[in-house]
């Protein structure tokens, strides 16, 4: 059985990780009269993750409701919206809001949590004047890579979630490659994600 996600998750995940959008905007000479169709088709590509069939007018309404595809939309804005919607600051780390845990785990099957958590820290720096030193200390010492609540008492447990982190893997992420120059080991076999 495949995990199904809600509309909010599907719209934002398609904006962040759609191959269709990537290839469309990769071309410098973009034809702007076709862009709304590209956004609609990007969401329709995520149809298998939804529990119902979408019509074109459903998709148009979803784009309008979530302000996706408008000229002021950017990756940072979408990541900030996701961080505000799902995460709360605990004083030393971000954790998923308790009432949003199920939806958050659904989102993580389609989107890498490190991007959302990173944007939450950027927002913390910009809006609340946290220093880079304070933020790096919080990340290194307290931040769970999936923003899950810390268990008190340091008890070990199995979480039984295969797909946490977007691809079910906690090793080198795109951030590790970009920021720290990490290289994957020769023995690493990247997991496959189904394409539709």
Protein backbone atom coordinates (compact mmCIF):
# COMPACT_ATOMS: atom_id res chain seq x y z
CA UNK A 1 0.00 0.00 0.00
CA UNK A 2 1.33 3.41 -0.95
CA UNK A 3 1.21 6.36 1.42
CA UNK A 4 -1.24 9.05 0.33
CA UNK A 5 -0.68 12.74 1.04
CA UNK A 6 -2.97 15.75 1.36
CA UNK A 7 -3.30 18.59 -1.15
CA UNK A 8 -1.08 20.97 0.84
CA UNK A 9 1.78 18.48 0.81
CA UNK A 10 1.32 17.59 -2.86
CA UNK A 11 1.28 21.22 -4.04
CA UNK A 12 4.36 22.26 -2.10
CA UNK A 13 6.29 19.05 -2.82
CA UNK A 14 5.62 19.36 -6.53
CA UNK A 15 6.94 22.93 -6.49
CA UNK A 16 10.12 21.90 -4.67
CA UNK A 17 10.96 18.63 -6.38
CA UNK A 18 9.21 18.40 -9.75
CA UNK A 19 11.45 17.32 -12.61
CA UNK A 20 9.00 18.97 -14.97
CA UNK A 21 9.50 22.39 -13.33
CA UNK A 22 13.25 21.91 -13.14
CA UNK A 23 13.60 21.25 -16.86
CA UNK A 24 11.15 24.00 -17.78
CA UNK A 25 12.98 26.70 -15.80
CA UNK A 26 16.42 25.36 -16.68
CA UNK A 27 15.97 26.89 -20.13
CA UNK A 28 16.92 30.59 -19.93
CA UNK A 29 14.46 31.63 -22.61
CA UNK A 30 11.26 30.58 -20.85
CA UNK A 31 7.94 31.10 -22.59
CA UNK A 32 5.87 32.73 -19.82
CA UNK A 33 2.51 32.17 -21.54
CA UNK A 34 2.80 28.43 -20.90
CA UNK A 35 3.97 28.55 -17.27
CA UNK A 36 0.55 27.99 -15.65
CA UNK A 37 0.14 24.74 -17.61
CA UNK A 38 3.57 23.60 -16.45
CA UNK A 39 2.66 24.19 -12.79
CA UNK A 40 -0.65 22.36 -13.25
CA UNK A 41 1.06 19.40 -14.90
CA UNK A 42 3.68 19.31 -12.16
CA UNK A 43 0.92 18.79 -9.59
CA UNK A 44 -0.81 16.23 -11.80
CA UNK A 45 2.49 14.30 -11.84
CA UNK A 46 1.91 13.78 -8.10
CA UNK A 47 -1.56 12.30 -8.72
CA UNK A 48 -0.50 8.80 -7.53
CA UNK A 49 0.27 10.25 -4.09
CA UNK A 50 -3.25 11.69 -3.68
CA UNK A 51 -6.29 9.72 -2.57
CA UNK A 52 -8.53 11.10 -5.33
CA UNK A 53 -8.43 12.04 -8.98
CA UNK A 54 -7.79 15.70 -9.71
CA UNK A 55 -9.49 17.77 -12.38
CA UNK A 56 -7.81 20.76 -14.04
CA UNK A 57 -10.03 23.18 -12.09
CA UNK A 58 -9.03 21.43 -8.81
CA UNK A 59 -5.38 21.96 -9.66
CA UNK A 60 -5.93 25.61 -10.62
CA UNK A 61 -7.72 26.22 -7.32
CA UNK A 62 -4.91 24.51 -5.38
CA UNK A 63 -2.28 26.70 -7.06
CA UNK A 64 -4.28 29.84 -6.34
CA UNK A 65 -5.07 28.87 -2.73
CA UNK A 66 -1.42 28.19 -1.89
CA UNK A 67 -0.01 31.06 -4.01
CA UNK A 68 2.17 28.72 -6.05
CA UNK A 69 3.21 29.79 -9.53
CA UNK A 70 2.75 33.50 -8.94
CA UNK A 71 5.56 35.89 -9.80
CA UNK A 72 6.54 36.44 -6.14
CA UNK A 73 6.78 32.70 -5.40
CA UNK A 74 10.28 31.43 -4.69
CA UNK A 75 11.83 28.33 -3.19
CA UNK A 76 12.69 30.23 0.00
CA UNK A 77 9.11 31.47 0.37
CA UNK A 78 7.71 27.96 -0.08
CA UNK A 79 10.23 26.49 2.38
CA UNK A 80 9.37 29.23 4.91
CA UNK A 81 5.66 28.48 4.53
CA UNK A 82 6.32 24.79 5.17
CA UNK A 83 8.49 25.58 8.20
CA UNK A 84 5.83 27.89 9.67
CA UNK A 85 3.07 25.38 9.00
CA UNK A 86 4.77 22.28 10.43
CA UNK A 87 7.54 23.34 12.82
CA UNK A 88 7.76 25.14 16.14
CA UNK A 89 10.81 26.58 17.87
CA UNK A 90 11.56 24.86 21.19
CA UNK A 91 14.18 27.32 22.41
CA UNK A 92 17.09 25.20 21.22
CA UNK A 93 15.77 23.30 18.17
CA UNK A 94 12.85 23.00 15.79
CA UNK A 95 10.35 20.20 16.32
CA UNK A 96 7.27 19.24 14.39
CA UNK A 97 4.05 20.50 15.96
CA UNK A 98 2.47 17.52 17.75
CA UNK A 99 -0.82 17.83 15.86
CA UNK A 100 1.07 17.88 12.52
CA UNK A 101 3.24 14.78 13.05
CA UNK A 102 1.33 12.50 10.67
CA UNK A 103 1.23 15.10 7.88
CA UNK A 104 4.92 15.95 8.47
CA UNK A 105 5.91 12.31 7.99
CA UNK A 106 3.88 12.22 4.78
CA UNK A 107 5.72 15.33 3.56
CA UNK A 108 9.08 13.72 4.32
CA UNK A 109 8.30 10.89 1.91
CA UNK A 110 8.40 13.47 -0.91
CA UNK A 111 10.66 16.27 0.35
CA UNK A 112 13.99 16.37 2.19
CA UNK A 113 13.46 17.73 5.71
CA UNK A 114 16.92 19.32 5.83
CA UNK A 115 15.84 22.02 3.37
CA UNK A 116 12.79 22.97 5.45
CA UNK A 117 14.69 22.93 8.74
CA UNK A 118 17.53 24.95 7.16
CA UNK A 119 15.06 27.58 5.99
CA UNK A 120 13.55 27.71 9.49
CA UNK A 121 17.00 28.55 10.85
CA UNK A 122 17.51 31.19 8.16
CA UNK A 123 14.19 32.76 9.17
CA UNK A 124 15.25 32.60 12.82
CA UNK A 125 18.42 34.47 11.93
CA UNK A 126 16.67 37.08 9.79
CA UNK A 127 13.63 37.77 11.99
CA UNK A 128 14.99 37.21 15.49
CA UNK A 129 18.68 38.12 15.04
CA UNK A 130 20.11 34.79 16.14
CA UNK A 131 23.83 34.69 15.44
CA UNK A 132 25.44 32.07 13.24
CA UNK A 133 27.28 30.75 16.30
CA UNK A 134 24.01 30.29 18.25
CA UNK A 135 22.37 28.57 15.30
CA UNK A 136 25.29 26.22 14.63
CA UNK A 137 25.37 25.28 18.34
CA UNK A 138 21.64 24.48 18.31
CA UNK A 139 21.95 22.40 15.13
CA UNK A 140 25.00 20.45 16.29
CA UNK A 141 23.77 19.83 19.81
CA UNK A 142 19.98 19.57 19.72
CA UNK A 143 18.48 19.45 16.22
CA UNK A 144 16.95 16.16 15.07
CA UNK A 145 17.46 15.82 11.28
CA UNK A 146 13.74 15.04 10.90
CA UNK A 147 12.51 17.59 13.50
CA UNK A 148 11.00 14.78 15.55
CA UNK A 149 10.49 15.38 19.27
CA UNK A 150 13.32 14.22 21.49
CA UNK A 151 12.55 11.28 23.72
CA UNK A 152 13.17 12.02 27.37
CA UNK A 153 15.41 9.64 29.26
CA UNK A 154 17.61 8.77 26.24
CA UNK A 155 15.77 5.52 25.65
CA UNK A 156 16.53 3.74 22.39
CA UNK A 157 13.64 2.85 20.11
CA UNK A 158 12.94 1.77 16.55
CA UNK A 159 10.86 4.26 14.61
CA UNK A 160 9.99 1.87 11.72
CA UNK A 161 9.90 4.67 9.14
CA UNK A 162 11.60 3.62 5.93
CA UNK A 163 11.07 6.87 4.02
CA UNK A 164 12.09 9.56 6.51
CA UNK A 165 14.14 12.34 4.94
CA UNK A 166 12.62 12.05 1.50
CA UNK A 167 14.72 9.07 0.43
CA UNK A 168 14.99 7.01 3.61
CA UNK A 169 18.66 7.78 4.10
CA UNK A 170 20.46 9.79 6.76
CA UNK A 171 23.94 9.75 5.19
CA UNK A 172 25.44 12.51 3.06
CA UNK A 173 22.73 14.88 1.88
CA UNK A 174 22.87 17.51 -0.83
CA UNK A 175 23.77 20.01 1.90
CA UNK A 176 26.72 17.84 2.94
CA UNK A 177 28.03 17.81 -0.62
CA UNK A 178 27.51 21.56 -1.13
CA UNK A 179 28.68 22.89 2.23
CA UNK A 180 31.28 20.40 3.40
CA UNK A 181 32.58 18.80 0.21
CA UNK A 182 31.66 15.30 1.38
CA UNK A 183 31.88 12.51 -1.15
CA UNK A 184 29.82 9.32 -1.09
CA UNK A 185 31.67 6.11 -0.37
CA UNK A 186 32.23 3.63 -3.18
CA UNK A 187 29.91 1.13 -1.49
CA UNK A 188 26.96 3.55 -1.33
CA UNK A 189 23.91 2.45 -3.29
CA UNK A 190 21.39 5.28 -3.61
CA UNK A 191 17.78 4.20 -3.04
CA UNK A 192 15.42 4.42 -5.99
CA UNK A 193 12.35 6.66 -5.86
CA UNK A 194 9.43 5.74 -8.08
CA UNK A 195 8.74 8.14 -10.95
CA UNK A 196 5.26 8.69 -12.34
